Amino acid sequence: TASHPAATAAQRAALVQAGATVVDCPGA
């Protein structure tokens, strides 16, 4: 994702709970 971690904290937590690993990789 390129999303800001603080702006998506609840979504990240839900995805981690679902078993995913979220990786920050912002670009242009």
PDB file of all heavy atoms in Angstrom:
ATOM      1  N   THR A   1       0.826  -1.196   0.000  1.00  0.00           N
ATOM      2  CA  THR A   1       0.000   0.000   0.000  1.00  0.00           C
ATOM      3  C   THR A   1       0.865   1.253   0.000  1.00  0.00           C
ATOM      4  O   THR A   1       2.029   1.216   0.389  1.00  0.00           O
ATOM      5  CB  THR A   1      -0.958   0.005   1.212  1.00  0.00           C
ATOM      6  OG1 THR A   1      -1.838   1.114   1.097  1.00  0.00           O
ATOM      7  CG2 THR A   1      -0.197   0.061   2.521  1.00  0.00           C
ATOM      8  N   ALA A   2       0.262   2.353  -0.435  1.00  0.00           N
ATOM      9  CA  ALA A   2       0.904   3.668  -0.369  1.00  0.00           C
ATOM     10  C   ALA A   2       0.171   4.554   0.624  1.00  0.00           C
ATOM     11  O   ALA A   2       0.454   5.737   0.729  1.00  0.00           O
ATOM     12  CB  ALA A   2       0.928   4.313  -1.753  1.00  0.00           C
ATOM     13  N   SER A   3      -0.787   3.992   1.337  1.00  0.00           N
ATOM     14  CA  SER A   3      -1.592   4.758   2.295  1.00  0.00           C
ATOM     15  C   SER A   3      -0.788   5.102   3.535  1.00  0.00           C
ATOM     16  O   SER A   3       0.069   4.340   3.965  1.00  0.00           O
ATOM     17  CB  SER A   3      -2.827   3.968   2.720  1.00  0.00           C
ATOM     18  OG  SER A   3      -3.706   3.852   1.644  1.00  0.00           O
ATOM     19  N   HIS A   4      -1.110   6.226   4.120  1.00  0.00           N
ATOM     20  CA  HIS A   4      -0.435   6.652   5.345  1.00  0.00           C
ATOM     21  C   HIS A   4      -0.880   5.755   6.495  1.00  0.00           C
ATOM     22  O   HIS A   4      -2.076   5.560   6.708  1.00  0.00           O
ATOM     23  CB  HIS A   4      -0.774   8.123   5.649  1.00  0.00           C
ATOM     24  CG  HIS A   4       0.056   8.687   6.729  1.00  0.00           C
ATOM     25  ND1 HIS A   4      -0.249   8.521   8.061  1.00  0.00           N
ATOM     26  CD2 HIS A   4       1.209   9.398   6.685  1.00  0.00           C
ATOM     27  CE1 HIS A   4       0.672   9.113   8.791  1.00  0.00           C
ATOM     28  NE2 HIS A   4       1.564   9.661   7.979  1.00  0.00           N
ATOM     29  N   PRO A   5       0.080   5.208   7.251  1.00  0.00           N
ATOM     30  CA  PRO A   5      -0.274   4.271   8.329  1.00  0.00           C
ATOM     31  C   PRO A   5      -1.293   4.805   9.331  1.00  0.00           C
ATOM     32  O   PRO A   5      -2.201   4.084   9.729  1.00  0.00           O
ATOM     33  CB  PRO A   5       1.066   4.004   9.009  1.00  0.00           C
ATOM     34  CG  PRO A   5       2.087   4.281   7.973  1.00  0.00           C
ATOM     35  CD  PRO A   5       1.517   5.392   7.123  1.00  0.00           C
ATOM     36  N   ALA A   6      -1.162   6.059   9.748  1.00  0.00           N
ATOM     37  CA  ALA A   6      -2.080   6.596  10.751  1.00  0.00           C
ATOM     38  C   ALA A   6      -3.487   6.751  10.201  1.00  0.00           C
ATOM     39  O   ALA A   6      -4.471   6.573  10.933  1.00  0.00           O
ATOM     40  CB  ALA A   6      -1.572   7.951  11.261  1.00  0.00           C
ATOM     41  N   ALA A   7      -3.611   7.064   8.906  1.00  0.00           N
ATOM     42  CA  ALA A   7      -4.924   7.292   8.302  1.00  0.00           C
ATOM     43  C   ALA A   7      -5.704   5.998   8.132  1.00  0.00           C
ATOM     44  O   ALA A   7      -6.912   6.019   7.949  1.00  0.00           O
ATOM     45  CB  ALA A   7      -4.766   7.984   6.954  1.00  0.00           C
ATOM     46  N   THR A   8      -5.020   4.865   8.181  1.00  0.00           N
ATOM     47  CA  THR A   8      -5.687   3.591   7.908  1.00  0.00           C
ATOM     48  C   THR A   8      -5.483   2.573   9.028  1.00  0.00           C
ATOM     49  O   THR A   8      -5.521   1.387   8.774  1.00  0.00           O
ATOM     50  CB  THR A   8      -5.161   3.019   6.579  1.00  0.00           C
ATOM     51  OG1 THR A   8      -3.742   2.892   6.676  1.00  0.00           O
ATOM     52  CG2 THR A   8      -5.532   3.884   5.402  1.00  0.00           C
ATOM     53  N   ALA A   9      -5.272   3.049  10.243  1.00  0.00           N
ATOM     54  CA  ALA A   9      -4.955   2.153  11.360  1.00  0.00           C
ATOM     55  C   ALA A   9      -6.023   1.080  11.568  1.00  0.00           C
ATOM     56  O   ALA A   9      -5.698  -0.099  11.757  1.00  0.00           O
ATOM     57  CB  ALA A   9      -4.751   2.963  12.636  1.00  0.00           C
ATOM     58  N   ALA A  10      -7.287   1.445  11.532  1.00  0.00           N
ATOM     59  CA  ALA A  10      -8.358   0.467  11.749  1.00  0.00           C
ATOM     60  C   ALA A  10      -8.399  -0.556  10.615  1.00  0.00           C
ATOM     61  O   ALA A  10      -8.570  -1.760  10.864  1.00  0.00           O
ATOM     62  CB  ALA A  10      -9.705   1.179  11.870  1.00  0.00           C
ATOM     63  N   GLN A  11      -8.237  -0.095   9.383  1.00  0.00           N
ATOM     64  CA  GLN A  11      -8.230  -1.011   8.236  1.00  0.00           C
ATOM     65  C   GLN A  11      -7.039  -1.967   8.320  1.00  0.00           C
ATOM     66  O   GLN A  11      -7.179  -3.160   8.078  1.00  0.00           O
ATOM     67  CB  GLN A  11      -8.195  -0.212   6.922  1.00  0.00           C
ATOM     68  CG  GLN A  11      -8.069  -1.049   5.674  1.00  0.00           C
ATOM     69  CD  GLN A  11      -9.288  -1.879   5.332  1.00  0.00           C
ATOM     70  OE1 GLN A  11     -10.239  -2.001   6.112  1.00  0.00           O
ATOM     71  NE2 GLN A  11      -9.278  -2.490   4.169  1.00  0.00           N
ATOM     72  N   ARG A  12      -5.876  -1.444   8.658  1.00  0.00           N
ATOM     73  CA  ARG A  12      -4.683  -2.289   8.816  1.00  0.00           C
ATOM     74  C   ARG A  12      -4.915  -3.361   9.877  1.00  0.00           C
ATOM     75  O   ARG A  12      -4.588  -4.525   9.676  1.00  0.00           O
ATOM     76  CB  ARG A  12      -3.477  -1.447   9.224  1.00  0.00           C
ATOM     77  CG  ARG A  12      -2.903  -0.630   8.127  1.00  0.00           C
ATOM     78  CD  ARG A  12      -1.862   0.354   8.683  1.00  0.00           C
ATOM     79  NE  ARG A  12      -1.439   1.244   7.647  1.00  0.00           N
ATOM     80  CZ  ARG A  12      -0.445   1.004   6.807  1.00  0.00           C
ATOM     81  NH1 ARG A  12       0.246  -0.104   6.929  1.00  0.00           N
ATOM     82  NH2 ARG A  12      -0.145   1.860   5.864  1.00  0.00           N
ATOM     83  N   ALA A  13      -5.465  -2.955  10.997  1.00  0.00           N
ATOM     84  CA  ALA A  13      -5.721  -3.907  12.081  1.00  0.00           C
ATOM     85  C   ALA A  13      -6.677  -5.009  11.634  1.00  0.00           C
ATOM     86  O   ALA A  13      -6.462  -6.187  11.946  1.00  0.00           O
ATOM     87  CB  ALA A  13      -6.274  -3.172  13.301  1.00  0.00           C
ATOM     88  N   ALA A  14      -7.704  -4.644  10.890  1.00  0.00           N
ATOM     89  CA  ALA A  14      -8.662  -5.640  10.398  1.00  0.00           C
ATOM     90  C   ALA A  14      -8.001  -6.607   9.423  1.00  0.00           C
ATOM     91  O   ALA A  14      -8.276  -7.812   9.445  1.00  0.00           O
ATOM     92  CB  ALA A  14      -9.849  -4.942   9.736  1.00  0.00           C
ATOM     93  N   LEU A  15      -7.118  -6.101   8.576  1.00  0.00           N
ATOM     94  CA  LEU A  15      -6.435  -6.957   7.606  1.00  0.00           C
ATOM     95  C   LEU A  15      -5.431  -7.880   8.282  1.00  0.00           C
ATOM     96  O   LEU A  15      -5.312  -9.055   7.916  1.00  0.00           O
ATOM     97  CB  LEU A  15      -5.765  -6.111   6.526  1.00  0.00           C
ATOM     98  CG  LEU A  15      -6.743  -5.361   5.625  1.00  0.00           C
ATOM     99  CD1 LEU A  15      -6.017  -4.360   4.741  1.00  0.00           C
ATOM    100  CD2 LEU A  15      -7.574  -6.331   4.790  1.00  0.00           C
ATOM    101  N   VAL A  16      -4.729  -7.375   9.271  1.00  0.00           N
ATOM    102  CA  VAL A  16      -3.803  -8.211  10.028  1.00  0.00           C
ATOM    103  C   VAL A  16      -4.585  -9.289  10.771  1.00  0.00           C
ATOM    104  O   VAL A  16      -4.193 -10.458  10.798  1.00  0.00           O
ATOM    105  CB  VAL A  16      -2.954  -7.353  10.991  1.00  0.00           C
ATOM    106  CG1 VAL A  16      -2.184  -8.223  11.980  1.00  0.00           C
ATOM    107  CG2 VAL A  16      -2.000  -6.471  10.196  1.00  0.00           C
ATOM    108  N   GLN A  17      -5.735  -8.918  11.337  1.00  0.00           N
ATOM    109  CA  GLN A  17      -6.607  -9.893  12.003  1.00  0.00           C
ATOM    110  C   GLN A  17      -7.066 -10.971  11.022  1.00  0.00           C
ATOM    111  O   GLN A  17      -7.207 -12.134  11.395  1.00  0.00           O
ATOM    112  CB  GLN A  17      -7.825  -9.179  12.611  1.00  0.00           C
ATOM    113  CG  GLN A  17      -8.784 -10.079  13.339  1.00  0.00           C
ATOM    114  CD  GLN A  17      -8.218 -10.651  14.626  1.00  0.00           C
ATOM    115  OE1 GLN A  17      -7.364 -10.040  15.266  1.00  0.00           O
ATOM    116  NE2 GLN A  17      -8.672 -11.820  15.006  1.00  0.00           N
ATOM    117  N   ALA A  18      -7.258 -10.589   9.754  1.00  0.00           N
ATOM    118  CA  ALA A  18      -7.680 -11.540   8.718  1.00  0.00           C
ATOM    119  C   ALA A  18      -6.514 -12.394   8.211  1.00  0.00           C
ATOM    120  O   ALA A  18      -6.715 -13.285   7.394  1.00  0.00           O
ATOM    121  CB  ALA A  18      -8.326 -10.790   7.557  1.00  0.00           C
ATOM    122  N   GLY A  19      -5.298 -12.103   8.686  1.00  0.00           N
ATOM    123  CA  GLY A  19      -4.153 -12.935   8.330  1.00  0.00           C
ATOM    124  C   GLY A  19      -3.187 -12.328   7.336  1.00  0.00           C
ATOM    125  O   GLY A  19      -2.216 -12.977   6.948  1.00  0.00           O
ATOM    126  N   ALA A  20      -3.391 -11.102   6.889  1.00  0.00           N
ATOM    127  CA  ALA A  20      -2.528 -10.479   5.893  1.00  0.00           C
ATOM    128  C   ALA A  20      -1.380  -9.723   6.552  1.00  0.00           C
ATOM    129  O   ALA A  20      -1.453  -9.336   7.710  1.00  0.00           O
ATOM    130  CB  ALA A  20      -3.337  -9.518   5.025  1.00  0.00           C
ATOM    131  N   THR A  21      -0.347  -9.506   5.774  1.00  0.00           N
ATOM    132  CA  THR A  21       0.749  -8.630   6.154  1.00  0.00           C
ATOM    133  C   THR A  21       0.656  -7.392   5.279  1.00  0.00           C
ATOM    134  O   THR A  21       0.590  -7.510   4.048  1.00  0.00           O
ATOM    135  CB  THR A  21       2.114  -9.318   5.948  1.00  0.00           C
ATOM    136  OG1 THR A  21       2.164 -10.495   6.748  1.00  0.00           O
ATOM    137  CG2 THR A  21       3.264  -8.392   6.309  1.00  0.00           C
ATOM    138  N   VAL A  22       0.612  -6.211   5.882  1.00  0.00           N
ATOM    139  CA  VAL A  22       0.501  -4.957   5.136  1.00  0.00           C
ATOM    140  C   VAL A  22       1.887  -4.322   5.061  1.00  0.00           C
ATOM    141  O   VAL A  22       2.550  -4.149   6.084  1.00  0.00           O
ATOM    142  CB  VAL A  22      -0.504  -3.989   5.795  1.00  0.00           C
ATOM    143  CG1 VAL A  22      -0.595  -2.684   5.026  1.00  0.00           C
ATOM    144  CG2 VAL A  22      -1.880  -4.654   5.902  1.00  0.00           C
ATOM    145  N   VAL A  23       2.311  -3.986   3.827  1.00  0.00           N
ATOM    146  CA  VAL A  23       3.638  -3.428   3.592  1.00  0.00           C
ATOM    147  C   VAL A  23       3.488  -2.046   2.971  1.00  0.00           C
ATOM    148  O   VAL A  23       2.835  -1.900   1.938  1.00  0.00           O
ATOM    149  CB  VAL A  23       4.463  -4.336   2.648  1.00  0.00           C
ATOM    150  CG1 VAL A  23       5.859  -3.757   2.435  1.00  0.00           C
ATOM    151  CG2 VAL A  23       4.528  -5.763   3.174  1.00  0.00           C
ATOM    152  N   ASP A  24       4.099  -1.036   3.595  1.00  0.00           N
ATOM    153  CA  ASP A  24       4.077   0.320   3.052  1.00  0.00           C
ATOM    154  C   ASP A  24       5.120   0.436   1.952  1.00  0.00           C
ATOM    155  O   ASP A  24       6.279   0.076   2.156  1.00  0.00           O
ATOM    156  CB  ASP A  24       4.368   1.337   4.147  1.00  0.00           C
ATOM    157  CG  ASP A  24       3.266   1.367   5.177  1.00  0.00           C
ATOM    158  OD1 ASP A  24       2.106   1.540   4.781  1.00  0.00           O
ATOM    159  OD2 ASP A  24       3.569   1.191   6.377  1.00  0.00           O
ATOM    160  N   CYS A  25       4.686   0.945   0.804  1.00  0.00           N
ATOM    161  CA  CYS A  25       5.573   1.059  -0.345  1.00  0.00           C
ATOM    162  C   CYS A  25       5.142   2.245  -1.211  1.00  0.00           C
ATOM    163  O   CYS A  25       4.797   2.088  -2.380  1.00  0.00           O
ATOM    164  CB  CYS A  25       5.526  -0.243  -1.138  1.00  0.00           C
ATOM    165  SG  CYS A  25       6.931  -0.503  -2.205  1.00  0.00           S
ATOM    166  N   PRO A  26       5.135   3.466  -0.645  1.00  0.00           N
ATOM    167  CA  PRO A  26       4.651   4.616  -1.409  1.00  0.00           C
ATOM    168  C   PRO A  26       5.601   5.000  -2.525  1.00  0.00           C
ATOM    169  O   PRO A  26       6.801   4.798  -2.440  1.00  0.00           O
ATOM    170  CB  PRO A  26       4.558   5.723  -0.363  1.00  0.00           C
ATOM    171  CG  PRO A  26       5.523   5.331   0.693  1.00  0.00           C
ATOM    172  CD  PRO A  26       5.563   3.826   0.701  1.00  0.00           C
ATOM    173  N   GLY A  27       5.017   5.514  -3.581  1.00  0.00           N
ATOM    174  CA  GLY A  27       5.787   5.973  -4.722  1.00  0.00           C
ATOM    175  C   GLY A  27       5.335   7.340  -5.139  1.00  0.00           C
ATOM    176  O   GLY A  27       4.870   8.134  -4.322  1.00  0.00           O
ATOM    177  N   ALA A  28       5.422   7.596  -6.423  1.00  0.00           N
ATOM    178  CA  ALA A  28       5.043   8.894  -6.980  1.00  0.00           C
ATOM    179  C   ALA A  28       3.533   9.069  -6.931  1.00  0.00           C
ATOM    180  O   ALA A  28       2.781   8.095  -6.905  1.00  0.00           O
ATOM    181  CB  ALA A  28       5.523   8.984  -8.424  1.00  0.00           C
TER     182      ALA A  28
END
